[in-house]
Amino acid sequence: MALSHRENYLRNARREGPEWMPCAVALSGATWNQLRGELEDVCARHPILFPGFEKGKRDFAKLAEEEVIYTPGSSITDAWGCVWEFPIDGLEGIVSGHPLADWDALETWRPPDPLTQGDRGPVDWPTALENVRKAKEAGSLTSGGTAHGYLFMRLYYLRGFENLMEDLATGEPRLQRLIDIVVEHNSVIVSQWLSAGVDIIEFAEDLGTQTASCIGPKHFARWITPAYSKLMQPAKRSDALVALHSDGYIMDIMDELLVAGVDIINPQDLCNGIDNLAREVKGRACIRLDIDRQSIVPFGTRAEIRGLIEEEVRKLGSPEGGLEMIAGIYPPTPAENIDALCDAMEEFRTFWWDGRG
């Protein structure tokens, strides 16, 4: 009898012998705005990756209304007091106003209440937890998590990037107080999800540049690893899997992330290096591989895209599992290349279990 999606996912994450490799393609609002009908055609051709998709059901006028927050020139102030600007249509913005740029402001500043207020709007915990209950009853995989940029990024949203780098380097005593405030906020969120018995707790922020982590291992171990551990260890004790996303190069802090409690790591592939990931991470954690969005997928040929996926499956996968793939799609990736990526994922998702591996 075939495994359910939930059973297969958990067996893959725990390296206990799944029947296929979990794959997902995340289409950005900017890509929908760019390709529209062409992208609908791609989704319709790949029901494995886009189950339940129906061509013609997407209301592009409504899409534009829903994404007004991402309209170039718009701005908002989030619940923490950070000012966001949105320079590119359909994409996330940047923080241009930092409420704690001056440390003196810490005395009167207050974080939002996580039981009622999300980063950008109210939170309805009763409904969210009821949805988890219904999903569990239906046998579905369940997850909950913190906002993207929940700790390190939130610190520089509040302080400003250069200010935070100076704080880390000089050992600014007020920094630990701010970290504790942010950790306490996120601990409430984690506790809410764990109370519902979710399978996975998702943490996400971007810790790397193109060539190195934003913080070196020494400072990461001093300031960030203990904070991560406080948030991740309750999930470990509840038998929930801990997943962490980060863009950028993170190989130099990978050991710190795994020590903190990460079970599923979501690194970018070419930025970190396929061979590096095979040598340093394979077998130690499940790799939720973030497929290239800078070179091969947006600009390569169909054969090059297929070759990338095959190489990654062969080097990072195994019959025990431990590899999943997710591809975020952004302009200027053409529909043909998205289709090629979907074809390759579908071709190699069973590689280790259909007699080829």
Foldseek 3Di string as FASTA:
>chain_A
DADDPQVQVVLQQVLAFHQWFAEEEAEFLQNCVVQPQLLLVLLVVFCVHVPPRDPPPDDVVVSCVVQVCQPAPHWDQWQQRWIWGHHDHRDGTDTDRAQCLDVVSVVPGDGDQLQFGARHGGDDLVVVLVVLVVCVVVVHAFEEEHDACQAPNVVCSRRPLVRVVVCLVVVPVCVLVVRVNSLVRRLVRLVSGVVSPHQEYEYEYAQADLAGGPDAQVSCLVRPLVSLLSNAVVCVVSNHAYEYEHEHADLRNVVSVVVSPHQEYEYEDPSPDLVSCLVPPAPSHQYAYEYDADPCLQPNDLVSLLVVLVVNCVRRAASSHRYHYYYYYHPPRDSVSVSSNSVSCVVCRSCRNPPND
